[in-house]
Amino acid sequence: MPETILTQHWRDLRRFWRGVIGADAYERYVDYLRRAHPDAPVPSERDFWRQKYAEQERNPKSRCC
């Protein structure tokens, strides 16, 4: 069954929004690891976010709060 234009627009909008808010960070990191370091272990999504937030706390850059 062909994909409707509305479905494609929704998918594109969702992908864009996830990029804006950073929700796709784990997927991008896994893609990077697989390309640049294929032998490196891939952390679980939970561990990734835990490490990311810990790094933000240690090294706050530009945040509002």
N, C-alpha and C. Protein backbone atom coordinates (compact mmCIF):
# COMPACT_ATOMS: atom_id res chain seq x y z
N MET A 1 0.84 -1.18 0.00
CA MET A 1 0.00 0.00 0.00
C MET A 1 0.89 1.24 0.00
N PRO A 2 0.68 2.15 -0.94
CA PRO A 2 1.54 3.34 -1.01
C PRO A 2 1.32 4.27 0.17
N GLU A 3 2.39 4.91 0.53
CA GLU A 3 2.35 5.85 1.64
C GLU A 3 1.68 7.14 1.19
N THR A 4 0.79 7.64 2.01
CA THR A 4 0.11 8.88 1.65
C THR A 4 1.02 10.07 1.92
N ILE A 5 0.71 11.17 1.29
CA ILE A 5 1.49 12.40 1.48
C ILE A 5 1.40 12.85 2.93
N LEU A 6 0.23 12.73 3.53
CA LEU A 6 0.05 13.13 4.92
C LEU A 6 0.94 12.29 5.85
N THR A 7 1.01 11.00 5.58
CA THR A 7 1.86 10.12 6.40
C THR A 7 3.32 10.52 6.26
N GLN A 8 3.76 10.81 5.05
CA GLN A 8 5.15 11.22 4.83
C GLN A 8 5.44 12.55 5.53
N HIS A 9 4.52 13.49 5.44
CA HIS A 9 4.71 14.78 6.11
C HIS A 9 4.78 14.60 7.63
N TRP A 10 3.93 13.74 8.17
CA TRP A 10 3.94 13.48 9.60
C TRP A 10 5.28 12.88 10.02
N ARG A 11 5.78 11.92 9.24
CA ARG A 11 7.06 11.28 9.55
C ARG A 11 8.19 12.31 9.49
N ASP A 12 8.18 13.18 8.49
CA ASP A 12 9.21 14.21 8.37
C ASP A 12 9.14 15.20 9.53
N LEU A 13 7.92 15.59 9.91
CA LEU A 13 7.75 16.52 11.03
C LEU A 13 8.24 15.89 12.33
N ARG A 14 7.93 14.63 12.53
CA ARG A 14 8.37 13.93 13.74
C ARG A 14 9.89 13.85 13.79
N ARG A 15 10.51 13.49 12.67
CA ARG A 15 11.97 13.42 12.60
C ARG A 15 12.60 14.77 12.90
N PHE A 16 12.03 15.84 12.32
CA PHE A 16 12.52 17.19 12.56
C PHE A 16 12.40 17.56 14.03
N TRP A 17 11.23 17.33 14.62
CA TRP A 17 11.00 17.70 16.02
C TRP A 17 11.92 16.94 16.95
N ARG A 18 12.13 15.64 16.72
CA ARG A 18 13.03 14.86 17.56
C ARG A 18 14.45 15.42 17.47
N GLY A 19 14.84 15.92 16.31
CA GLY A 19 16.14 16.55 16.17
C GLY A 19 16.25 17.85 16.92
N VAL A 20 15.18 18.63 16.89
CA VAL A 20 15.17 19.93 17.58
C VAL A 20 15.31 19.74 19.09
N ILE A 21 14.57 18.80 19.65
CA ILE A 21 14.59 18.64 21.10
C ILE A 21 15.69 17.69 21.57
N GLY A 22 16.41 17.06 20.64
CA GLY A 22 17.52 16.20 21.03
C GLY A 22 17.12 14.77 21.35
N ALA A 23 15.89 14.41 21.07
CA ALA A 23 15.42 13.06 21.39
C ALA A 23 16.07 11.99 20.51
N ASP A 24 16.66 12.40 19.40
CA ASP A 24 17.31 11.44 18.52
C ASP A 24 18.80 11.28 18.81
N ALA A 25 19.26 11.82 19.91
CA ALA A 25 20.69 11.80 20.23
C ALA A 25 21.23 10.38 20.35
N TYR A 26 20.47 9.49 20.96
CA TYR A 26 20.93 8.11 21.12
C TYR A 26 21.08 7.42 19.77
N GLU A 27 20.09 7.57 18.90
CA GLU A 27 20.17 6.95 17.58
C GLU A 27 21.36 7.48 16.79
N ARG A 28 21.58 8.79 16.86
CA ARG A 28 22.72 9.38 16.15
C ARG A 28 24.04 8.87 16.73
N TYR A 29 24.10 8.73 18.05
CA TYR A 29 25.32 8.23 18.69
C TYR A 29 25.60 6.79 18.29
N VAL A 30 24.58 5.96 18.26
CA VAL A 30 24.76 4.56 17.86
C VAL A 30 25.22 4.49 16.41
N ASP A 31 24.62 5.30 15.54
CA ASP A 31 25.07 5.33 14.14
C ASP A 31 26.53 5.74 14.04
N TYR A 32 26.91 6.75 14.80
CA TYR A 32 28.31 7.19 14.82
C TYR A 32 29.23 6.08 15.30
N LEU A 33 28.87 5.44 16.40
CA LEU A 33 29.71 4.37 16.93
C LEU A 33 29.90 3.25 15.92
N ARG A 34 28.84 2.86 15.26
CA ARG A 34 28.92 1.76 14.30
C ARG A 34 29.77 2.12 13.09
N ARG A 35 29.77 3.40 12.69
CA ARG A 35 30.59 3.82 11.55
C ARG A 35 32.04 4.03 11.96
N ALA A 36 32.27 4.76 13.04
CA ALA A 36 33.62 5.17 13.42
C ALA A 36 34.36 4.15 14.27
N HIS A 37 33.64 3.41 15.09
CA HIS A 37 34.24 2.46 16.02
C HIS A 37 33.43 1.16 16.01
N PRO A 38 33.52 0.41 14.92
CA PRO A 38 32.65 -0.78 14.80
C PRO A 38 32.88 -1.84 15.88
N ASP A 39 34.04 -1.86 16.50
CA ASP A 39 34.32 -2.87 17.53
C ASP A 39 33.94 -2.41 18.94
N ALA A 40 33.59 -1.15 19.08
CA ALA A 40 33.25 -0.62 20.41
C ALA A 40 31.87 -1.13 20.85
N PRO A 41 31.72 -1.41 22.13
CA PRO A 41 30.41 -1.84 22.61
C PRO A 41 29.42 -0.67 22.57
N VAL A 42 28.19 -0.97 22.24
CA VAL A 42 27.14 0.04 22.18
C VAL A 42 26.44 0.06 23.54
N PRO A 43 26.43 1.22 24.21
CA PRO A 43 25.76 1.29 25.52
C PRO A 43 24.25 1.19 25.35
N SER A 44 23.59 0.79 26.40
CA SER A 44 22.13 0.77 26.36
C SER A 44 21.65 2.22 26.30
N GLU A 45 20.42 2.40 25.88
CA GLU A 45 19.88 3.76 25.80
C GLU A 45 19.83 4.40 27.17
N ARG A 46 19.51 3.62 28.18
CA ARG A 46 19.46 4.14 29.56
C ARG A 46 20.84 4.63 30.01
N ASP A 47 21.88 3.83 29.74
CA ASP A 47 23.24 4.24 30.11
C ASP A 47 23.68 5.48 29.33
N PHE A 48 23.31 5.54 28.05
CA PHE A 48 23.67 6.69 27.24
C PHE A 48 23.12 7.98 27.85
N TRP A 49 21.80 7.98 28.19
CA TRP A 49 21.20 9.19 28.74
C TRP A 49 21.76 9.52 30.12
N ARG A 50 22.04 8.51 30.90
CA ARG A 50 22.63 8.73 32.22
C ARG A 50 23.99 9.43 32.08
N GLN A 51 24.82 8.94 31.15
CA GLN A 51 26.13 9.55 30.93
C GLN A 51 26.01 10.95 30.34
N LYS A 52 25.07 11.13 29.43
CA LYS A 52 24.88 12.44 28.81
C LYS A 52 24.46 13.50 29.83
N TYR A 53 23.52 13.15 30.70
CA TYR A 53 23.08 14.10 31.73
C TYR A 53 24.16 14.35 32.76
N ALA A 54 24.93 13.33 33.10
CA ALA A 54 26.03 13.52 34.05
C ALA A 54 27.07 14.46 33.47
N GLU A 55 27.37 14.32 32.17
CA GLU A 55 28.32 15.21 31.51
C GLU A 55 27.79 16.65 31.49
N GLN A 56 26.51 16.82 31.26
CA GLN A 56 25.93 18.16 31.27
C GLN A 56 26.02 18.79 32.65
N GLU A 57 25.88 18.01 33.69
CA GLU A 57 25.99 18.53 35.05
C GLU A 57 27.44 18.92 35.37
N ARG A 58 28.39 18.11 34.91
CA ARG A 58 29.81 18.41 35.14
C ARG A 58 30.28 19.61 34.34
N ASN A 59 29.74 19.78 33.15
CA ASN A 59 30.22 20.81 32.24
C ASN A 59 29.04 21.58 31.64
N PRO A 60 28.37 22.41 32.42
CA PRO A 60 27.22 23.15 31.89
C PRO A 60 27.69 24.20 30.90
N LYS A 61 27.09 24.20 29.74
CA LYS A 61 27.46 25.18 28.71
C LYS A 61 26.40 26.26 28.67
N SER A 62 25.56 26.23 27.71
CA SER A 62 24.50 27.26 27.67
C SER A 62 23.16 26.60 27.97
N ARG A 63 22.71 26.80 29.18
CA ARG A 63 21.41 26.28 29.61
C ARG A 63 20.64 27.41 30.24
N CYS A 64 19.36 27.28 30.24
CA CYS A 64 18.56 28.32 30.87
C CYS A 64 18.46 28.13 32.37
N CYS A 65 18.59 26.88 32.85
CA CYS A 65 18.37 26.61 34.28
C CYS A 65 19.56 25.91 34.92
